[in-house]
Amino acid sequence: MTAATGANRDLRAAEKAQHESDLETAEVYYRRRLRAEPDQPLVRYFLGALLLQRGGDSLNEALALAREAVAGQANNPG
């Protein structure tokens, strides 16, 4: 199994879990991807969206992840 295959498998599992409202499982997969590949803005975005969906104490982390996801992107307006 290549790293890309593992990454795709994790992201599919996270998406499926999130779609089924199993946010804890989805979070595990997203965080695993970020540990393996920290420079993945799309994974940061997905994890931030999940944390935003969860609400509560996760909001600050969700906002930080969203900021990190767009930082340095070519179409970032500022």
PDB file of N, CA and C in Angstrom:
ATOM      1  N   MET A   1       0.852  -1.187   0.000  1.00  0.00           N
ATOM      2  CA  MET A   1       0.000   0.000   0.000  1.00  0.00           C
ATOM      3  C   MET A   1       0.891   1.242   0.000  1.00  0.00           C
ATOM      4  N   THR A   2       0.640   2.151  -0.901  1.00  0.00           N
ATOM      5  CA  THR A   2       1.401   3.392  -0.964  1.00  0.00           C
ATOM      6  C   THR A   2       0.830   4.399   0.028  1.00  0.00           C
ATOM      7  N   ALA A   3       1.614   5.450   0.274  1.00  0.00           N
ATOM      8  CA  ALA A   3       1.139   6.497   1.179  1.00  0.00           C
ATOM      9  C   ALA A   3      -0.128   7.149   0.647  1.00  0.00           C
ATOM     10  N   ALA A   4      -0.178   7.330  -0.681  1.00  0.00           N
ATOM     11  CA  ALA A   4      -1.367   7.942  -1.284  1.00  0.00           C
ATOM     12  C   ALA A   4      -2.595   7.063  -1.094  1.00  0.00           C
ATOM     13  N   THR A   5      -2.415   5.763  -1.237  1.00  0.00           N
ATOM     14  CA  THR A   5      -3.535   4.842  -1.035  1.00  0.00           C
ATOM     15  C   THR A   5      -4.035   4.914   0.398  1.00  0.00           C
ATOM     16  N   GLY A   6      -3.117   4.935   1.357  1.00  0.00           N
ATOM     17  CA  GLY A   6      -3.500   5.052   2.762  1.00  0.00           C
ATOM     18  C   GLY A   6      -4.204   6.356   3.054  1.00  0.00           C
ATOM     19  N   ALA A   7      -3.697   7.433   2.453  1.00  0.00           N
ATOM     20  CA  ALA A   7      -4.314   8.745   2.645  1.00  0.00           C
ATOM     21  C   ALA A   7      -5.728   8.755   2.082  1.00  0.00           C
ATOM     22  N   ASN A   8      -5.891   8.212   0.879  1.00  0.00           N
ATOM     23  CA  ASN A   8      -7.222   8.162   0.269  1.00  0.00           C
ATOM     24  C   ASN A   8      -8.173   7.317   1.092  1.00  0.00           C
ATOM     25  N   ARG A   9      -7.687   6.208   1.607  1.00  0.00           N
ATOM     26  CA  ARG A   9      -8.525   5.336   2.436  1.00  0.00           C
ATOM     27  C   ARG A   9      -8.976   6.076   3.694  1.00  0.00           C
ATOM     28  N   ASP A  10      -8.053   6.776   4.338  1.00  0.00           N
ATOM     29  CA  ASP A  10      -8.395   7.541   5.544  1.00  0.00           C
ATOM     30  C   ASP A  10      -9.430   8.615   5.230  1.00  0.00           C
ATOM     31  N   LEU A  11      -9.240   9.326   4.135  1.00  0.00           N
ATOM     32  CA  LEU A  11     -10.173  10.402   3.796  1.00  0.00           C
ATOM     33  C   LEU A  11     -11.551   9.862   3.433  1.00  0.00           C
ATOM     34  N   ARG A  12     -11.593   8.744   2.735  1.00  0.00           N
ATOM     35  CA  ARG A  12     -12.903   8.133   2.427  1.00  0.00           C
ATOM     36  C   ARG A  12     -13.595   7.683   3.705  1.00  0.00           C
ATOM     37  N   ALA A  13     -12.830   7.094   4.625  1.00  0.00           N
ATOM     38  CA  ALA A  13     -13.413   6.646   5.893  1.00  0.00           C
ATOM     39  C   ALA A  13     -13.902   7.839   6.715  1.00  0.00           C
ATOM     40  N   ALA A  14     -13.133   8.922   6.717  1.00  0.00           N
ATOM     41  CA  ALA A  14     -13.534  10.118   7.460  1.00  0.00           C
ATOM     42  C   ALA A  14     -14.807  10.704   6.874  1.00  0.00           C
ATOM     43  N   GLU A  15     -14.852  10.796   5.546  1.00  0.00           N
ATOM     44  CA  GLU A  15     -16.036  11.338   4.884  1.00  0.00           C
ATOM     45  C   GLU A  15     -17.268  10.489   5.173  1.00  0.00           C
ATOM     46  N   LYS A  16     -17.111   9.186   5.108  1.00  0.00           N
ATOM     47  CA  LYS A  16     -18.235   8.274   5.385  1.00  0.00           C
ATOM     48  C   LYS A  16     -18.718   8.444   6.827  1.00  0.00           C
ATOM     49  N   ALA A  17     -17.776   8.474   7.764  1.00  0.00           N
ATOM     50  CA  ALA A  17     -18.144   8.622   9.172  1.00  0.00           C
ATOM     51  C   ALA A  17     -18.842   9.957   9.412  1.00  0.00           C
ATOM     52  N   GLN A  18     -18.327  11.022   8.802  1.00  0.00           N
ATOM     53  CA  GLN A  18     -18.947  12.334   8.990  1.00  0.00           C
ATOM     54  C   GLN A  18     -20.346  12.353   8.391  1.00  0.00           C
ATOM     55  N   HIS A  19     -20.500  11.749   7.226  1.00  0.00           N
ATOM     56  CA  HIS A  19     -21.816  11.675   6.584  1.00  0.00           C
ATOM     57  C   HIS A  19     -22.814  10.926   7.469  1.00  0.00           C
ATOM     58  N   GLU A  20     -22.318   9.929   8.202  1.00  0.00           N
ATOM     59  CA  GLU A  20     -23.171   9.144   9.105  1.00  0.00           C
ATOM     60  C   GLU A  20     -23.269   9.770  10.489  1.00  0.00           C
ATOM     61  N   SER A  21     -22.794  11.001  10.628  1.00  0.00           N
ATOM     62  CA  SER A  21     -22.823  11.750  11.893  1.00  0.00           C
ATOM     63  C   SER A  21     -21.990  11.114  12.989  1.00  0.00           C
ATOM     64  N   ASP A  22     -20.997  10.321  12.622  1.00  0.00           N
ATOM     65  CA  ASP A  22     -20.045   9.754  13.581  1.00  0.00           C
ATOM     66  C   ASP A  22     -18.823  10.667  13.595  1.00  0.00           C
ATOM     67  N   LEU A  23     -18.986  11.826  14.240  1.00  0.00           N
ATOM     68  CA  LEU A  23     -17.969  12.861  14.192  1.00  0.00           C
ATOM     69  C   LEU A  23     -16.690  12.456  14.911  1.00  0.00           C
ATOM     70  N   GLU A  24     -16.799  11.664  15.959  1.00  0.00           N
ATOM     71  CA  GLU A  24     -15.606  11.232  16.675  1.00  0.00           C
ATOM     72  C   GLU A  24     -14.710  10.377  15.788  1.00  0.00           C
ATOM     73  N   THR A  25     -15.302   9.446  15.058  1.00  0.00           N
ATOM     74  CA  THR A  25     -14.523   8.592  14.163  1.00  0.00           C
ATOM     75  C   THR A  25     -13.930   9.408  13.025  1.00  0.00           C
ATOM     76  N   ALA A  26     -14.707  10.299  12.448  1.00  0.00           N
ATOM     77  CA  ALA A  26     -14.203  11.142  11.364  1.00  0.00           C
ATOM     78  C   ALA A  26     -13.022  11.972  11.854  1.00  0.00           C
ATOM     79  N   GLU A  27     -13.128  12.512  13.049  1.00  0.00           N
ATOM     80  CA  GLU A  27     -12.034  13.321  13.604  1.00  0.00           C
ATOM     81  C   GLU A  27     -10.754  12.499  13.729  1.00  0.00           C
ATOM     82  N   VAL A  28     -10.869  11.259  14.162  1.00  0.00           N
ATOM     83  CA  VAL A  28      -9.697  10.385  14.291  1.00  0.00           C
ATOM     84  C   VAL A  28      -8.990  10.248  12.945  1.00  0.00           C
ATOM     85  N   TYR A  29      -9.742  10.005  11.895  1.00  0.00           N
ATOM     86  CA  TYR A  29      -9.142   9.843  10.561  1.00  0.00           C
ATOM     87  C   TYR A  29      -8.510  11.139  10.064  1.00  0.00           C
ATOM     88  N   TYR A  30      -9.201  12.276  10.241  1.00  0.00           N
ATOM     89  CA  TYR A  30      -8.631  13.547   9.799  1.00  0.00           C
ATOM     90  C   TYR A  30      -7.347  13.868  10.561  1.00  0.00           C
ATOM     91  N   ARG A  31      -7.350  13.654  11.857  1.00  0.00           N
ATOM     92  CA  ARG A  31      -6.150  13.940  12.653  1.00  0.00           C
ATOM     93  C   ARG A  31      -5.004  12.995  12.269  1.00  0.00           C
ATOM     94  N   ARG A  32      -5.320  11.764  11.961  1.00  0.00           N
ATOM     95  CA  ARG A  32      -4.290  10.824  11.524  1.00  0.00           C
ATOM     96  C   ARG A  32      -3.645  11.307  10.228  1.00  0.00           C
ATOM     97  N   ARG A  33      -4.472  11.816   9.303  1.00  0.00           N
ATOM     98  CA  ARG A  33      -3.917  12.337   8.046  1.00  0.00           C
ATOM     99  C   ARG A  33      -3.013  13.530   8.308  1.00  0.00           C
ATOM    100  N   LEU A  34      -3.413  14.410   9.219  1.00  0.00           N
ATOM    101  CA  LEU A  34      -2.593  15.592   9.510  1.00  0.00           C
ATOM    102  C   LEU A  34      -1.280  15.222  10.192  1.00  0.00           C
ATOM    103  N   ARG A  35      -1.287  14.185  11.003  1.00  0.00           N
ATOM    104  CA  ARG A  35      -0.030  13.731  11.611  1.00  0.00           C
ATOM    105  C   ARG A  35       0.907  13.181  10.539  1.00  0.00           C
ATOM    106  N   ALA A  36       0.341  12.446   9.594  1.00  0.00           N
ATOM    107  CA  ALA A  36       1.146  11.841   8.539  1.00  0.00           C
ATOM    108  C   ALA A  36       1.606  12.883   7.517  1.00  0.00           C
ATOM    109  N   GLU A  37       0.748  13.847   7.214  1.00  0.00           N
ATOM    110  CA  GLU A  37       1.037  14.869   6.200  1.00  0.00           C
ATOM    111  C   GLU A  37       0.531  16.218   6.709  1.00  0.00           C
ATOM    112  N   PRO A  38       1.342  16.919   7.507  1.00  0.00           N
ATOM    113  CA  PRO A  38       0.873  18.156   8.144  1.00  0.00           C
ATOM    114  C   PRO A  38       0.540  19.298   7.186  1.00  0.00           C
ATOM    115  N   ASP A  39       1.077  19.278   5.987  1.00  0.00           N
ATOM    116  CA  ASP A  39       0.844  20.376   5.045  1.00  0.00           C
ATOM    117  C   ASP A  39      -0.279  20.054   4.067  1.00  0.00           C
ATOM    118  N   GLN A  40      -1.418  19.692   4.589  1.00  0.00           N
ATOM    119  CA  GLN A  40      -2.578  19.355   3.774  1.00  0.00           C
ATOM    120  C   GLN A  40      -3.716  20.322   4.079  1.00  0.00           C
ATOM    121  N   PRO A  41      -3.806  21.438   3.334  1.00  0.00           N
ATOM    122  CA  PRO A  41      -4.837  22.437   3.645  1.00  0.00           C
ATOM    123  C   PRO A  41      -6.255  21.896   3.545  1.00  0.00           C
ATOM    124  N   LEU A  42      -6.498  20.992   2.618  1.00  0.00           N
ATOM    125  CA  LEU A  42      -7.855  20.463   2.477  1.00  0.00           C
ATOM    126  C   LEU A  42      -8.254  19.633   3.697  1.00  0.00           C
ATOM    127  N   VAL A  43      -7.332  18.865   4.236  1.00  0.00           N
ATOM    128  CA  VAL A  43      -7.634  18.077   5.442  1.00  0.00           C
ATOM    129  C   VAL A  43      -7.856  19.014   6.624  1.00  0.00           C
ATOM    130  N   ARG A  44      -7.059  20.080   6.707  1.00  0.00           N
ATOM    131  CA  ARG A  44      -7.279  21.077   7.770  1.00  0.00           C
ATOM    132  C   ARG A  44      -8.681  21.688   7.640  1.00  0.00           C
ATOM    133  N   TYR A  45      -9.065  21.978   6.412  1.00  0.00           N
ATOM    134  CA  TYR A  45     -10.394  22.540   6.176  1.00  0.00           C
ATOM    135  C   TYR A  45     -11.485  21.561   6.613  1.00  0.00           C
ATOM    136  N   PHE A  46     -11.364  20.301   6.200  1.00  0.00           N
ATOM    137  CA  PHE A  46     -12.377  19.301   6.560  1.00  0.00           C
ATOM    138  C   PHE A  46     -12.460  19.113   8.070  1.00  0.00           C
ATOM    139  N   LEU A  47     -11.300  19.040   8.741  1.00  0.00           N
ATOM    140  CA  LEU A  47     -11.311  18.895  10.192  1.00  0.00           C
ATOM    141  C   LEU A  47     -11.915  20.131  10.838  1.00  0.00           C
ATOM    142  N   GLY A  48     -11.577  21.310  10.344  1.00  0.00           N
ATOM    143  CA  GLY A  48     -12.162  22.540  10.880  1.00  0.00           C
ATOM    144  C   GLY A  48     -13.672  22.561  10.718  1.00  0.00           C
ATOM    145  N   ALA A  49     -14.150  22.123   9.548  1.00  0.00           N
ATOM    146  CA  ALA A  49     -15.595  22.074   9.311  1.00  0.00           C
ATOM    147  C   ALA A  49     -16.273  21.097  10.261  1.00  0.00           C
ATOM    148  N   LEU A  50     -15.622  19.981  10.497  1.00  0.00           N
ATOM    149  CA  LEU A  50     -16.168  18.990  11.433  1.00  0.00           C
ATOM    150  C   LEU A  50     -16.256  19.583  12.838  1.00  0.00           C
ATOM    151  N   LEU A  51     -15.181  20.248  13.268  1.00  0.00           N
ATOM    152  CA  LEU A  51     -15.181  20.838  14.608  1.00  0.00           C
ATOM    153  C   LEU A  51     -16.212  21.949  14.718  1.00  0.00           C
ATOM    154  N   LEU A  52     -16.401  22.690  13.636  1.00  0.00           N
ATOM    155  CA  LEU A  52     -17.434  23.719  13.617  1.00  0.00           C
ATOM    156  C   LEU A  52     -18.812  23.083  13.741  1.00  0.00           C
ATOM    157  N   GLN A  53     -19.006  21.976  13.055  1.00  0.00           N
ATOM    158  CA  GLN A  53     -20.264  21.240  13.121  1.00  0.00           C
ATOM    159  C   GLN A  53     -20.529  20.761  14.550  1.00  0.00           C
ATOM    160  N   ARG A  54     -19.467  20.342  15.225  1.00  0.00           N
ATOM    161  CA  ARG A  54     -19.597  19.857  16.600  1.00  0.00           C
ATOM    162  C   ARG A  54     -19.913  21.001  17.550  1.00  0.00           C
ATOM    163  N   GLY A  55     -19.288  22.161  17.346  1.00  0.00           N
ATOM    164  CA  GLY A  55     -19.533  23.321  18.192  1.00  0.00           C
ATOM    165  C   GLY A  55     -18.870  23.199  19.551  1.00  0.00           C
ATOM    166  N   GLY A  56     -19.371  23.936  20.492  1.00  0.00           N
ATOM    167  CA  GLY A  56     -18.856  23.895  21.854  1.00  0.00           C
ATOM    168  C   GLY A  56     -17.414  24.363  21.956  1.00  0.00           C
ATOM    169  N   ASP A  57     -16.614  23.620  22.709  1.00  0.00           N
ATOM    170  CA  ASP A  57     -15.225  23.987  22.966  1.00  0.00           C
ATOM    171  C   ASP A  57     -14.334  23.857  21.738  1.00  0.00           C
ATOM    172  N   SER A  58     -14.836  23.298  20.660  1.00  0.00           N
ATOM    173  CA  SER A  58     -14.044  23.065  19.458  1.00  0.00           C
ATOM    174  C   SER A  58     -13.978  24.272  18.527  1.00  0.00           C
ATOM    175  N   LEU A  59     -14.727  25.322  18.814  1.00  0.00           N
ATOM    176  CA  LEU A  59     -14.822  26.442  17.880  1.00  0.00           C
ATOM    177  C   LEU A  59     -13.491  27.155  17.654  1.00  0.00           C
ATOM    178  N   ASN A  60     -12.704  27.374  18.701  1.00  0.00           N
ATOM    179  CA  ASN A  60     -11.420  28.053  18.536  1.00  0.00           C
ATOM    180  C   ASN A  60     -10.485  27.245  17.646  1.00  0.00           C
ATOM    181  N   GLU A  61     -10.432  25.948  17.860  1.00  0.00           N
ATOM    182  CA  GLU A  61      -9.592  25.108  17.019  1.00  0.00           C
ATOM    183  C   GLU A  61     -10.113  25.092  15.587  1.00  0.00           C
ATOM    184  N   ALA A  62     -11.427  25.076  15.416  1.00  0.00           N
ATOM    185  CA  ALA A  62     -12.015  25.090  14.073  1.00  0.00           C
ATOM    186  C   ALA A  62     -11.597  26.351  13.318  1.00  0.00           C
ATOM    187  N   LEU A  63     -11.647  27.497  13.981  1.00  0.00           N
ATOM    188  CA  LEU A  63     -11.244  28.752  13.347  1.00  0.00           C
ATOM    189  C   LEU A  63      -9.759  28.758  13.015  1.00  0.00           C
ATOM    190  N   ALA A  64      -8.940  28.242  13.911  1.00  0.00           N
ATOM    191  CA  ALA A  64      -7.497  28.177  13.656  1.00  0.00           C
ATOM    192  C   ALA A  64      -7.205  27.284  12.454  1.00  0.00           C
ATOM    193  N   LEU A  65      -7.869  26.151  12.364  1.00  0.00           N
ATOM    194  CA  LEU A  65      -7.669  25.255  11.223  1.00  0.00           C
ATOM    195  C   LEU A  65      -8.115  25.902   9.919  1.00  0.00           C
ATOM    196  N   ALA A  66      -9.216  26.637   9.955  1.00  0.00           N
ATOM    197  CA  ALA A  66      -9.693  27.319   8.753  1.00  0.00           C
ATOM    198  C   ALA A  66      -8.676  28.366   8.301  1.00  0.00           C
ATOM    199  N   ARG A  67      -8.131  29.109   9.252  1.00  0.00           N
ATOM    200  CA  ARG A  67      -7.112  30.111   8.905  1.00  0.00           C
ATOM    201  C   ARG A  67      -5.880  29.446   8.289  1.00  0.00           C
ATOM    202  N   GLU A  68      -5.445  28.343   8.897  1.00  0.00           N
ATOM    203  CA  GLU A  68      -4.283  27.621   8.382  1.00  0.00           C
ATOM    204  C   GLU A  68      -4.559  27.054   6.993  1.00  0.00           C
ATOM    205  N   ALA A  69      -5.784  26.627   6.762  1.00  0.00           N
ATOM    206  CA  ALA A  69      -6.133  26.020   5.478  1.00  0.00           C
ATOM    207  C   ALA A  69      -6.027  27.018   4.343  1.00  0.00           C
ATOM    208  N   VAL A  70      -6.370  28.278   4.603  1.00  0.00           N
ATOM    209  CA  VAL A  70      -6.340  29.268   3.528  1.00  0.00           C
ATOM    210  C   VAL A  70      -5.038  30.056   3.475  1.00  0.00           C
ATOM    211  N   ALA A  71      -4.259  30.028   4.522  1.00  0.00           N
ATOM    212  CA  ALA A  71      -2.987  30.756   4.531  1.00  0.00           C
ATOM    213  C   ALA A  71      -2.078  30.219   3.427  1.00  0.00           C
ATOM    214  N   GLY A  72      -1.554  31.121   2.654  1.00  0.00           N
ATOM    215  CA  GLY A  72      -0.620  30.737   1.620  1.00  0.00           C
ATOM    216  C   GLY A  72      -1.261  30.225   0.342  1.00  0.00           C
ATOM    217  N   GLN A  73      -2.573  30.164   0.290  1.00  0.00           N
ATOM    218  CA  GLN A  73      -3.246  29.727  -0.934  1.00  0.00           C
ATOM    219  C   GLN A  73      -3.224  30.868  -1.947  1.00  0.00           C
ATOM    220  N   ALA A  74      -3.057  30.530  -3.198  1.00  0.00           N
ATOM    221  CA  ALA A  74      -2.927  31.532  -4.258  1.00  0.00           C
ATOM    222  C   ALA A  74      -4.126  32.463  -4.348  1.00  0.00           C
ATOM    223  N   ASN A  75      -5.305  31.956  -4.080  1.00  0.00           N
ATOM    224  CA  ASN A  75      -6.514  32.781  -4.190  1.00  0.00           C
ATOM    225  C   ASN A  75      -6.942  33.391  -2.868  1.00  0.00           C
ATOM    226  N   ASN A  76      -6.061  33.361  -1.873  1.00  0.00           N
ATOM    227  CA  ASN A  76      -6.359  33.935  -0.559  1.00  0.00           C
ATOM    228  C   ASN A  76      -6.356  35.461  -0.670  1.00  0.00           C
ATOM    229  N   PRO A  77      -7.500  36.111  -0.420  1.00  0.00           N
ATOM    230  CA  PRO A  77      -7.578  37.565  -0.589  1.00  0.00           C
ATOM    231  C   PRO A  77      -6.848  38.352   0.487  1.00  0.00           C
ATOM    232  N   GLY A  78      -6.317  37.675   1.494  1.00  0.00           N
ATOM    233  CA  GLY A  78      -5.585  38.459   2.469  1.00  0.00           C
ATOM    234  C   GLY A  78      -5.757  37.915   3.828  1.00  0.00           C
TER     235      GLY A  78
END
